[in-house]
């Protein structure tokens, strides 16, 4: 990975850590909702993410918020957010920090 891609990748992760699930006081990144972030040579970004459940009340707005926030990063050309439920999200996907914050540790 070249230096610019690595730098943009770090900025994307930082931005994802600033987006919170409205029902849980933890970032979507720490919750484990982000499955993959791909950046091509044109700095087009593809984010593969999930939701805590298929009936999540923010199923429409959260992916759009992710897209809009990542698009603000200097150097990012375009952003596509893909929602998947494979594998389904479960509590074990949360970071240690998120588990601690939510009292699971």
PDB file of N, CA and C in Angstrom:
ATOM      1  N   UNK A   1       0.857  -1.167   0.000  1.00  0.00           N
ATOM      2  CA  UNK A   1       0.000   0.000   0.000  1.00  0.00           C
ATOM      3  C   UNK A   1       0.908   1.236   0.000  1.00  0.00           C
ATOM      4  N   UNK A   2       0.641   2.151  -0.957  1.00  0.00           N
ATOM      5  CA  UNK A   2       1.505   3.336  -0.975  1.00  0.00           C
ATOM      6  C   UNK A   2       1.138   4.290   0.157  1.00  0.00           C
ATOM      7  N   UNK A   3       2.020   5.253   0.369  1.00  0.00           N
ATOM      8  CA  UNK A   3       1.895   6.150   1.529  1.00  0.00           C
ATOM      9  C   UNK A   3       0.590   6.948   1.511  1.00  0.00           C
ATOM     10  N   UNK A   4       0.180   7.434   0.321  1.00  0.00           N
ATOM     11  CA  UNK A   4      -1.048   8.227   0.238  1.00  0.00           C
ATOM     12  C   UNK A   4      -2.275   7.367   0.548  1.00  0.00           C
ATOM     13  N   UNK A   5      -2.311   6.142   0.021  1.00  0.00           N
ATOM     14  CA  UNK A   5      -3.433   5.243   0.301  1.00  0.00           C
ATOM     15  C   UNK A   5      -3.482   4.931   1.791  1.00  0.00           C
ATOM     16  N   UNK A   6      -2.307   4.672   2.380  1.00  0.00           N
ATOM     17  CA  UNK A   6      -2.237   4.372   3.814  1.00  0.00           C
ATOM     18  C   UNK A   6      -2.745   5.565   4.634  1.00  0.00           C
ATOM     19  N   UNK A   7      -2.360   6.763   4.252  1.00  0.00           N
ATOM     20  CA  UNK A   7      -2.781   7.977   4.944  1.00  0.00           C
ATOM     21  C   UNK A   7      -4.298   8.168   4.839  1.00  0.00           C
ATOM     22  N   UNK A   8      -4.831   7.986   3.636  1.00  0.00           N
ATOM     23  CA  UNK A   8      -6.284   8.133   3.437  1.00  0.00           C
ATOM     24  C   UNK A   8      -7.022   7.047   4.213  1.00  0.00           C
ATOM     25  N   UNK A   9      -6.476   5.851   4.224  1.00  0.00           N
ATOM     26  CA  UNK A   9      -7.079   4.759   4.988  1.00  0.00           C
ATOM     27  C   UNK A   9      -7.159   5.125   6.470  1.00  0.00           C
ATOM     28  N   UNK A  10      -6.097   5.692   7.015  1.00  0.00           N
ATOM     29  CA  UNK A  10      -6.098   6.129   8.413  1.00  0.00           C
ATOM     30  C   UNK A  10      -7.151   7.204   8.659  1.00  0.00           C
ATOM     31  N   UNK A  11      -7.282   8.141   7.722  1.00  0.00           N
ATOM     32  CA  UNK A  11      -8.277   9.212   7.854  1.00  0.00           C
ATOM     33  C   UNK A  11      -9.698   8.652   7.803  1.00  0.00           C
ATOM     34  N   UNK A  12      -9.918   7.659   6.954  1.00  0.00           N
ATOM     35  CA  UNK A  12     -11.239   7.037   6.844  1.00  0.00           C
ATOM     36  C   UNK A  12     -11.584   6.345   8.165  1.00  0.00           C
ATOM     37  N   UNK A  13     -10.650   5.598   8.714  1.00  0.00           N
ATOM     38  CA  UNK A  13     -10.904   4.915   9.985  1.00  0.00           C
ATOM     39  C   UNK A  13     -11.171   5.925  11.095  1.00  0.00           C
ATOM     40  N   UNK A  14     -10.406   7.006  11.096  1.00  0.00           N
ATOM     41  CA  UNK A  14     -10.634   8.063  12.093  1.00  0.00           C
ATOM     42  C   UNK A  14     -12.054   8.631  11.949  1.00  0.00           C
ATOM     43  N   UNK A  15     -12.470   8.883  10.712  1.00  0.00           N
ATOM     44  CA  UNK A  15     -13.812   9.421  10.452  1.00  0.00           C
ATOM     45  C   UNK A  15     -14.888   8.420  10.883  1.00  0.00           C
ATOM     46  N   UNK A  16     -14.684   7.128  10.589  1.00  0.00           N
ATOM     47  CA  UNK A  16     -15.661   6.102  10.971  1.00  0.00           C
ATOM     48  C   UNK A  16     -15.775   5.984  12.489  1.00  0.00           C
ATOM     49  N   UNK A  17     -14.701   6.296  13.190  1.00  0.00           N
ATOM     50  CA  UNK A  17     -14.729   6.287  14.650  1.00  0.00           C
ATOM     51  C   UNK A  17     -15.488   7.478  15.224  1.00  0.00           C
ATOM     52  N   UNK A  18     -15.826   8.448  14.378  1.00  0.00           N
ATOM     53  CA  UNK A  18     -16.594   9.624  14.815  1.00  0.00           C
ATOM     54  C   UNK A  18     -18.084   9.481  14.536  1.00  0.00           C
ATOM     55  N   UNK A  19     -18.473   8.395  13.860  1.00  0.00           N
ATOM     56  CA  UNK A  19     -19.882   8.156  13.532  1.00  0.00           C
ATOM     57  C   UNK A  19     -20.430   7.134  14.522  1.00  0.00           C
ATOM     58  N   UNK A  20     -21.470   7.526  15.229  1.00  0.00           N
ATOM     59  CA  UNK A  20     -22.023   6.679  16.280  1.00  0.00           C
ATOM     60  C   UNK A  20     -23.361   6.086  15.877  1.00  0.00           C
ATOM     61  N   UNK A  21     -23.570   4.864  16.315  1.00  0.00           N
ATOM     62  CA  UNK A  21     -24.877   4.245  16.190  1.00  0.00           C
ATOM     63  C   UNK A  21     -25.804   5.059  17.092  1.00  0.00           C
ATOM     64  N   UNK A  22     -26.928   5.544  16.584  1.00  0.00           N
ATOM     65  CA  UNK A  22     -27.792   6.409  17.401  1.00  0.00           C
ATOM     66  C   UNK A  22     -28.395   5.727  18.623  1.00  0.00           C
ATOM     67  N   UNK A  23     -28.447   4.399  18.628  1.00  0.00           N
ATOM     68  CA  UNK A  23     -29.050   3.692  19.758  1.00  0.00           C
ATOM     69  C   UNK A  23     -28.021   3.194  20.761  1.00  0.00           C
ATOM     70  N   UNK A  24     -26.757   3.149  20.356  1.00  0.00           N
ATOM     71  CA  UNK A  24     -25.689   2.627  21.207  1.00  0.00           C
ATOM     72  C   UNK A  24     -24.577   3.666  21.245  1.00  0.00           C
ATOM     73  N   UNK A  25     -24.113   4.081  22.409  1.00  0.00           N
ATOM     74  CA  UNK A  25     -23.126   5.166  22.496  1.00  0.00           C
ATOM     75  C   UNK A  25     -21.692   4.736  22.144  1.00  0.00           C
ATOM     76  N   UNK A  26     -21.545   4.060  21.009  1.00  0.00           N
ATOM     77  CA  UNK A  26     -20.247   3.568  20.558  1.00  0.00           C
ATOM     78  C   UNK A  26     -20.158   3.803  19.054  1.00  0.00           C
ATOM     79  N   UNK A  27     -18.946   4.081  18.562  1.00  0.00           N
ATOM     80  CA  UNK A  27     -18.789   4.321  17.126  1.00  0.00           C
ATOM     81  C   UNK A  27     -19.085   3.057  16.320  1.00  0.00           C
ATOM     82  N   UNK A  28     -19.498   3.256  15.079  1.00  0.00           N
ATOM     83  CA  UNK A  28     -19.811   2.115  14.223  1.00  0.00           C
ATOM     84  C   UNK A  28     -18.566   1.279  13.948  1.00  0.00           C
ATOM     85  N   UNK A  29     -17.394   1.900  13.987  1.00  0.00           N
ATOM     86  CA  UNK A  29     -16.148   1.159  13.768  1.00  0.00           C
ATOM     87  C   UNK A  29     -15.858   0.248  14.966  1.00  0.00           C
ATOM     88  N   UNK A  30     -15.982   0.790  16.165  1.00  0.00           N
ATOM     89  CA  UNK A  30     -15.739   0.002  17.377  1.00  0.00           C
ATOM     90  C   UNK A  30     -16.803  -1.079  17.581  1.00  0.00           C
ATOM     91  N   UNK A  31     -18.009  -0.828  17.084  1.00  0.00           N
ATOM     92  CA  UNK A  31     -19.074  -1.832  17.176  1.00  0.00           C
ATOM     93  C   UNK A  31     -18.808  -3.018  16.249  1.00  0.00           C
ATOM     94  N   UNK A  32     -17.917  -2.839  15.289  1.00  0.00           N
ATOM     95  CA  UNK A  32     -17.636  -3.920  14.341  1.00  0.00           C
ATOM     96  C   UNK A  32     -18.579  -3.929  13.160  1.00  0.00           C
ATOM     97  N   UNK A  33     -19.231  -2.791  12.906  1.00  0.00           N
ATOM     98  CA  UNK A  33     -20.165  -2.711  11.780  1.00  0.00           C
ATOM     99  C   UNK A  33     -19.450  -2.528  10.440  1.00  0.00           C
ATOM    100  N   UNK A  34     -18.193  -2.125  10.469  1.00  0.00           N
ATOM    101  CA  UNK A  34     -17.426  -1.943   9.244  1.00  0.00           C
ATOM    102  C   UNK A  34     -16.664  -3.232   8.962  1.00  0.00           C
ATOM    103  N   UNK A  35     -17.012  -3.899   7.877  1.00  0.00           N
ATOM    104  CA  UNK A  35     -16.357  -5.165   7.533  1.00  0.00           C
ATOM    105  C   UNK A  35     -15.115  -4.955   6.678  1.00  0.00           C
ATOM    106  N   UNK A  36     -15.140  -3.963   5.793  1.00  0.00           N
ATOM    107  CA  UNK A  36     -13.999  -3.759   4.908  1.00  0.00           C
ATOM    108  C   UNK A  36     -14.020  -2.340   4.354  1.00  0.00           C
ATOM    109  N   UNK A  37     -12.813  -1.795   4.140  1.00  0.00           N
ATOM    110  CA  UNK A  37     -12.644  -0.504   3.471  1.00  0.00           C
ATOM    111  C   UNK A  37     -11.638  -0.748   2.358  1.00  0.00           C
ATOM    112  N   UNK A  38     -12.063  -0.520   1.124  1.00  0.00           N
ATOM    113  CA  UNK A  38     -11.194  -0.734  -0.033  1.00  0.00           C
ATOM    114  C   UNK A  38     -10.965   0.601  -0.730  1.00  0.00           C
ATOM    115  N   UNK A  39      -9.719   0.828  -1.108  1.00  0.00           N
ATOM    116  CA  UNK A  39      -9.361   2.060  -1.803  1.00  0.00           C
ATOM    117  C   UNK A  39      -8.601   1.666  -3.062  1.00  0.00           C
ATOM    118  N   UNK A  40      -9.089   2.110  -4.237  1.00  0.00           N
ATOM    119  CA  UNK A  40      -8.362   1.770  -5.461  1.00  0.00           C
ATOM    120  C   UNK A  40      -7.369   2.874  -5.812  1.00  0.00           C
ATOM    121  N   UNK A  41      -6.657   2.690  -6.923  1.00  0.00           N
ATOM    122  CA  UNK A  41      -5.594   3.635  -7.292  1.00  0.00           C
ATOM    123  C   UNK A  41      -6.123   5.025  -7.642  1.00  0.00           C
ATOM    124  N   UNK A  42      -7.425   5.133  -7.949  1.00  0.00           N
ATOM    125  CA  UNK A  42      -8.045   6.435  -8.220  1.00  0.00           C
ATOM    126  C   UNK A  42      -8.623   7.064  -6.956  1.00  0.00           C
ATOM    127  N   UNK A  43      -8.402   6.408  -5.826  1.00  0.00           N
ATOM    128  CA  UNK A  43      -8.908   6.853  -4.521  1.00  0.00           C
ATOM    129  C   UNK A  43     -10.433   6.839  -4.445  1.00  0.00           C
ATOM    130  N   UNK A  44     -11.007   5.856  -5.168  1.00  0.00           N
ATOM    131  CA  UNK A  44     -12.420   5.542  -5.008  1.00  0.00           C
ATOM    132  C   UNK A  44     -12.492   4.594  -3.814  1.00  0.00           C
ATOM    133  N   UNK A  45     -13.409   4.849  -2.914  1.00  0.00           N
ATOM    134  CA  UNK A  45     -13.514   4.081  -1.678  1.00  0.00           C
ATOM    135  C   UNK A  45     -14.778   3.235  -1.707  1.00  0.00           C
ATOM    136  N   UNK A  46     -14.629   1.981  -1.336  1.00  0.00           N
ATOM    137  CA  UNK A  46     -15.778   1.094  -1.170  1.00  0.00           C
ATOM    138  C   UNK A  46     -15.769   0.636   0.285  1.00  0.00           C
ATOM    139  N   UNK A  47     -16.874   0.858   0.961  1.00  0.00           N
ATOM    140  CA  UNK A  47     -17.008   0.458   2.360  1.00  0.00           C
ATOM    141  C   UNK A  47     -18.084  -0.619   2.428  1.00  0.00           C
ATOM    142  N   UNK A  48     -17.707  -1.751   2.994  1.00  0.00           N
ATOM    143  CA  UNK A  48     -18.668  -2.829   3.190  1.00  0.00           C
ATOM    144  C   UNK A  48     -18.977  -2.850   4.677  1.00  0.00           C
ATOM    145  N   UNK A  49     -20.247  -2.681   4.980  1.00  0.00           N
ATOM    146  CA  UNK A  49     -20.655  -2.595   6.380  1.00  0.00           C
ATOM    147  C   UNK A  49     -21.934  -3.364   6.605  1.00  0.00           C
ATOM    148  N   UNK A  50     -22.270  -3.516   7.859  1.00  0.00           N
ATOM    149  CA  UNK A  50     -23.507  -4.166   8.237  1.00  0.00           C
ATOM    150  C   UNK A  50     -24.240  -3.279   9.235  1.00  0.00           C
ATOM    151  N   UNK A  51     -25.355  -3.741   9.678  1.00  0.00           N
ATOM    152  CA  UNK A  51     -26.135  -3.063  10.718  1.00  0.00           C
ATOM    153  C   UNK A  51     -26.341  -4.064  11.845  1.00  0.00           C
ATOM    154  N   UNK A  52     -26.706  -3.588  13.012  1.00  0.00           N
ATOM    155  CA  UNK A  52     -26.889  -4.507  14.135  1.00  0.00           C
ATOM    156  C   UNK A  52     -28.027  -5.484  13.883  1.00  0.00           C
ATOM    157  N   UNK A  53     -28.984  -5.099  13.028  1.00  0.00           N
ATOM    158  CA  UNK A  53     -30.052  -6.012  12.618  1.00  0.00           C
ATOM    159  C   UNK A  53     -30.647  -5.504  11.306  1.00  0.00           C
ATOM    160  N   UNK A  54     -31.232  -6.415  10.513  1.00  0.00           N
ATOM    161  CA  UNK A  54     -31.849  -5.989   9.250  1.00  0.00           C
ATOM    162  C   UNK A  54     -32.974  -4.974   9.436  1.00  0.00           C
ATOM    163  N   UNK A  55     -33.598  -4.971  10.609  1.00  0.00           N
ATOM    164  CA  UNK A  55     -34.699  -4.035  10.870  1.00  0.00           C
ATOM    165  C   UNK A  55     -34.226  -2.790  11.615  1.00  0.00           C
ATOM    166  N   UNK A  56     -32.928  -2.530  11.564  1.00  0.00           N
ATOM    167  CA  UNK A  56     -32.346  -1.372  12.242  1.00  0.00           C
ATOM    168  C   UNK A  56     -33.055  -0.092  11.797  1.00  0.00           C
ATOM    169  N   UNK A  57     -33.472   0.770  12.740  1.00  0.00           N
ATOM    170  CA  UNK A  57     -34.205   1.985  12.384  1.00  0.00           C
ATOM    171  C   UNK A  57     -33.394   2.978  11.536  1.00  0.00           C
ATOM    172  N   UNK A  58     -32.072   2.846  11.527  1.00  0.00           N
ATOM    173  CA  UNK A  58     -31.249   3.767  10.729  1.00  0.00           C
ATOM    174  C   UNK A  58     -30.704   3.098   9.464  1.00  0.00           C
ATOM    175  N   UNK A  59     -31.383   2.036   9.007  1.00  0.00           N
ATOM    176  CA  UNK A  59     -30.922   1.288   7.831  1.00  0.00           C
ATOM    177  C   UNK A  59     -30.778   2.174   6.600  1.00  0.00           C
ATOM    178  N   UNK A  60     -31.609   3.196   6.495  1.00  0.00           N
ATOM    179  CA  UNK A  60     -31.528   4.108   5.349  1.00  0.00           C
ATOM    180  C   UNK A  60     -30.533   5.233   5.592  1.00  0.00           C
ATOM    181  N   UNK A  61     -30.550   5.805   6.776  1.00  0.00           N
ATOM    182  CA  UNK A  61     -29.756   7.011   7.026  1.00  0.00           C
ATOM    183  C   UNK A  61     -28.295   6.753   7.386  1.00  0.00           C
ATOM    184  N   UNK A  62     -27.985   5.672   8.087  1.00  0.00           N
ATOM    185  CA  UNK A  62     -26.612   5.438   8.527  1.00  0.00           C
ATOM    186  C   UNK A  62     -25.640   5.216   7.357  1.00  0.00           C
ATOM    187  N   UNK A  63     -25.959   4.359   6.382  1.00  0.00           N
ATOM    188  CA  UNK A  63     -25.034   4.218   5.244  1.00  0.00           C
ATOM    189  C   UNK A  63     -24.825   5.533   4.492  1.00  0.00           C
ATOM    190  N   UNK A  64     -25.861   6.328   4.379  1.00  0.00           N
ATOM    191  CA  UNK A  64     -25.743   7.628   3.704  1.00  0.00           C
ATOM    192  C   UNK A  64     -24.861   8.574   4.508  1.00  0.00           C
ATOM    193  N   UNK A  65     -24.990   8.547   5.833  1.00  0.00           N
ATOM    194  CA  UNK A  65     -24.129   9.367   6.684  1.00  0.00           C
ATOM    195  C   UNK A  65     -22.664   8.945   6.524  1.00  0.00           C
ATOM    196  N   UNK A  66     -22.407   7.641   6.495  1.00  0.00           N
ATOM    197  CA  UNK A  66     -21.052   7.132   6.298  1.00  0.00           C
ATOM    198  C   UNK A  66     -20.503   7.647   4.973  1.00  0.00           C
ATOM    199  N   UNK A  67     -21.294   7.522   3.914  1.00  0.00           N
ATOM    200  CA  UNK A  67     -20.878   7.981   2.583  1.00  0.00           C
ATOM    201  C   UNK A  67     -20.540   9.468   2.603  1.00  0.00           C
ATOM    202  N   UNK A  68     -21.431  10.273   3.140  1.00  0.00           N
ATOM    203  CA  UNK A  68     -21.234  11.728   3.158  1.00  0.00           C
ATOM    204  C   UNK A  68     -20.010  12.130   3.977  1.00  0.00           C
ATOM    205  N   UNK A  69     -19.802  11.499   5.101  1.00  0.00           N
ATOM    206  CA  UNK A  69     -18.669  11.855   5.963  1.00  0.00           C
ATOM    207  C   UNK A  69     -17.341  11.460   5.325  1.00  0.00           C
ATOM    208  N   UNK A  70     -17.267  10.292   4.713  1.00  0.00           N
ATOM    209  CA  UNK A  70     -16.021   9.851   4.086  1.00  0.00           C
ATOM    210  C   UNK A  70     -15.728  10.683   2.837  1.00  0.00           C
ATOM    211  N   UNK A  71     -16.773  11.108   2.136  1.00  0.00           N
ATOM    212  CA  UNK A  71     -16.579  11.965   0.956  1.00  0.00           C
ATOM    213  C   UNK A  71     -15.917  13.295   1.311  1.00  0.00           C
ATOM    214  N   UNK A  72     -16.034  13.730   2.552  1.00  0.00           N
ATOM    215  CA  UNK A  72     -15.452  15.000   2.989  1.00  0.00           C
ATOM    216  C   UNK A  72     -13.925  14.938   3.119  1.00  0.00           C
ATOM    217  N   UNK A  73     -13.367  13.732   3.137  1.00  0.00           N
ATOM    218  CA  UNK A  73     -11.927  13.563   3.333  1.00  0.00           C
ATOM    219  C   UNK A  73     -11.177  13.982   2.076  1.00  0.00           C
ATOM    220  N   UNK A  74     -10.232  14.891   2.244  1.00  0.00           N
ATOM    221  CA  UNK A  74      -9.426  15.377   1.129  1.00  0.00           C
ATOM    222  C   UNK A  74      -8.655  14.214   0.512  1.00  0.00           C
ATOM    223  N   UNK A  75      -8.762  14.089  -0.793  1.00  0.00           N
ATOM    224  CA  UNK A  75      -8.065  13.025  -1.505  1.00  0.00           C
ATOM    225  C   UNK A  75      -8.973  11.891  -1.915  1.00  0.00           C
ATOM    226  N   UNK A  76     -10.133  11.772  -1.270  1.00  0.00           N
ATOM    227  CA  UNK A  76     -11.084  10.721  -1.628  1.00  0.00           C
ATOM    228  C   UNK A  76     -11.827  11.166  -2.880  1.00  0.00           C
ATOM    229  N   UNK A  77     -11.852  10.301  -3.879  1.00  0.00           N
ATOM    230  CA  UNK A  77     -12.498  10.625  -5.149  1.00  0.00           C
ATOM    231  C   UNK A  77     -14.002  10.354  -5.090  1.00  0.00           C
ATOM    232  N   UNK A  78     -14.377   9.135  -4.721  1.00  0.00           N
ATOM    233  CA  UNK A  78     -15.797   8.782  -4.618  1.00  0.00           C
ATOM    234  C   UNK A  78     -15.953   7.735  -3.523  1.00  0.00           C
ATOM    235  N   UNK A  79     -17.186   7.567  -3.059  1.00  0.00           N
ATOM    236  CA  UNK A  79     -17.458   6.613  -1.977  1.00  0.00           C
ATOM    237  C   UNK A  79     -18.701   5.810  -2.323  1.00  0.00           C
ATOM    238  N   UNK A  80     -18.581   4.514  -2.162  1.00  0.00           N
ATOM    239  CA  UNK A  80     -19.727   3.616  -2.317  1.00  0.00           C
ATOM    240  C   UNK A  80     -19.836   2.812  -1.030  1.00  0.00           C
ATOM    241  N   UNK A  81     -21.019   2.794  -0.439  1.00  0.00           N
ATOM    242  CA  UNK A  81     -21.250   2.030   0.785  1.00  0.00           C
ATOM    243  C   UNK A  81     -22.174   0.871   0.442  1.00  0.00           C
ATOM    244  N   UNK A  82     -21.710  -0.316   0.768  1.00  0.00           N
ATOM    245  CA  UNK A  82     -22.488  -1.526   0.510  1.00  0.00           C
ATOM    246  C   UNK A  82     -22.881  -2.148   1.841  1.00  0.00           C
ATOM    247  N   UNK A  83     -24.164  -2.471   1.981  1.00  0.00           N
ATOM    248  CA  UNK A  83     -24.665  -3.117   3.196  1.00  0.00           C
ATOM    249  C   UNK A  83     -24.735  -4.615   2.944  1.00  0.00           C
ATOM    250  N   UNK A  84     -24.249  -5.373   3.913  1.00  0.00           N
ATOM    251  CA  UNK A  84     -24.334  -6.825   3.834  1.00  0.00           C
ATOM    252  C   UNK A  84     -24.778  -7.371   5.193  1.00  0.00           C
ATOM    253  N   UNK A  85     -25.386  -8.513   5.163  1.00  0.00           N
ATOM    254  CA  UNK A  85     -25.749  -9.173   6.415  1.00  0.00           C
ATOM    255  C   UNK A  85     -25.078 -10.543   6.499  1.00  0.00           C
ATOM    256  N   UNK A  86     -24.032 -10.717   5.696  1.00  0.00           N
ATOM    257  CA  UNK A  86     -23.236 -11.940   5.713  1.00  0.00           C
ATOM    258  C   UNK A  86     -21.801 -11.605   6.048  1.00  0.00           C
ATOM    259  N   UNK A  87     -21.254 -11.978   7.127  1.00  0.00           N
ATOM    260  CA  UNK A  87     -21.939 -12.695   8.208  1.00  0.00           C
ATOM    261  C   UNK A  87     -22.799 -11.724   9.016  1.00  0.00           C
ATOM    262  N   UNK A  88     -23.823 -12.237   9.670  1.00  0.00           N
ATOM    263  CA  UNK A  88     -24.653 -11.371  10.508  1.00  0.00           C
ATOM    264  C   UNK A  88     -23.819 -10.797  11.654  1.00  0.00           C
ATOM    265  N   UNK A  89     -24.124  -9.555  12.016  1.00  0.00           N
ATOM    266  CA  UNK A  89     -23.403  -8.915  13.118  1.00  0.00           C
ATOM    267  C   UNK A  89     -23.755  -9.614  14.424  1.00  0.00           C
ATOM    268  N   UNK A  90     -22.761  -9.729  15.293  1.00  0.00           N
ATOM    269  CA  UNK A  90     -22.995 -10.236  16.639  1.00  0.00           C
ATOM    270  C   UNK A  90     -22.056  -9.520  17.603  1.00  0.00           C
ATOM    271  N   UNK A  91     -22.348  -9.593  18.865  1.00  0.00           N
ATOM    272  CA  UNK A  91     -21.600  -8.848  19.884  1.00  0.00           C
ATOM    273  C   UNK A  91     -20.106  -9.158  19.893  1.00  0.00           C
ATOM    274  N   UNK A  92     -19.734 -10.348  19.481  1.00  0.00           N
ATOM    275  CA  UNK A  92     -18.316 -10.724  19.495  1.00  0.00           C
ATOM    276  C   UNK A  92     -17.491  -9.904  18.501  1.00  0.00           C
ATOM    277  N   UNK A  93     -18.140  -9.211  17.577  1.00  0.00           N
ATOM    278  CA  UNK A  93     -17.446  -8.391  16.573  1.00  0.00           C
ATOM    279  C   UNK A  93     -17.023  -7.035  17.123  1.00  0.00           C
ATOM    280  N   UNK A  94     -17.505  -6.692  18.312  1.00  0.00           N
ATOM    281  CA  UNK A  94     -17.161  -5.406  18.911  1.00  0.00           C
ATOM    282  C   UNK A  94     -15.718  -5.419  19.397  1.00  0.00           C
ATOM    283  N   UNK A  95     -15.103  -4.251  19.400  1.00  0.00           N
ATOM    284  CA  UNK A  95     -13.760  -4.108  19.960  1.00  0.00           C
ATOM    285  C   UNK A  95     -13.841  -4.274  21.471  1.00  0.00           C
ATOM    286  N   UNK A  96     -12.690  -4.512  22.080  1.00  0.00           N
ATOM    287  CA  UNK A  96     -12.639  -4.612  23.544  1.00  0.00           C
ATOM    288  C   UNK A  96     -13.142  -3.319  24.176  1.00  0.00           C
ATOM    289  N   UNK A  97     -12.768  -2.184  23.565  1.00  0.00           N
ATOM    290  CA  UNK A  97     -13.194  -0.875  24.068  1.00  0.00           C
ATOM    291  C   UNK A  97     -14.716  -0.752  24.068  1.00  0.00           C
ATOM    292  N   UNK A  98     -15.354  -1.196  22.968  1.00  0.00           N
ATOM    293  CA  UNK A  98     -16.803  -1.127  22.868  1.00  0.00           C
ATOM    294  C   UNK A  98     -17.454  -2.039  23.911  1.00  0.00           C
ATOM    295  N   UNK A  99     -16.910  -3.234  24.073  1.00  0.00           N
ATOM    296  CA  UNK A  99     -17.462  -4.168  25.065  1.00  0.00           C
ATOM    297  C   UNK A  99     -17.356  -3.588  26.468  1.00  0.00           C
ATOM    298  N   UNK A 100     -16.239  -2.944  26.757  1.00  0.00           N
ATOM    299  CA  UNK A 100     -16.041  -2.322  28.062  1.00  0.00           C
ATOM    300  C   UNK A 100     -17.043  -1.183  28.264  1.00  0.00           C
ATOM    301  N   UNK A 101     -17.179  -0.337  27.228  1.00  0.00           N
ATOM    302  CA  UNK A 101     -18.096   0.816  27.269  1.00  0.00           C
ATOM    303  C   UNK A 101     -19.535   0.356  27.539  1.00  0.00           C
ATOM    304  N   UNK A 102     -19.922  -0.774  26.947  1.00  0.00           N
ATOM    305  CA  UNK A 102     -21.287  -1.250  27.065  1.00  0.00           C
ATOM    306  C   UNK A 102     -21.486  -2.231  28.224  1.00  0.00           C
ATOM    307  N   UNK A 103     -20.413  -2.462  28.994  1.00  0.00           N
ATOM    308  CA  UNK A 103     -20.533  -3.319  30.167  1.00  0.00           C
ATOM    309  C   UNK A 103     -20.534  -4.802  29.879  1.00  0.00           C
ATOM    310  N   UNK A 104     -19.980  -5.210  28.739  1.00  0.00           N
ATOM    311  CA  UNK A 104     -19.903  -6.628  28.417  1.00  0.00           C
ATOM    312  C   UNK A 104     -18.637  -7.278  28.941  1.00  0.00           C
ATOM    313  N   UNK A 105     -17.714  -6.501  29.511  1.00  0.00           N
ATOM    314  CA  UNK A 105     -16.490  -7.046  30.090  1.00  0.00           C
ATOM    315  C   UNK A 105     -16.472  -6.827  31.586  1.00  0.00           C
TER     316      UNK A 105
END
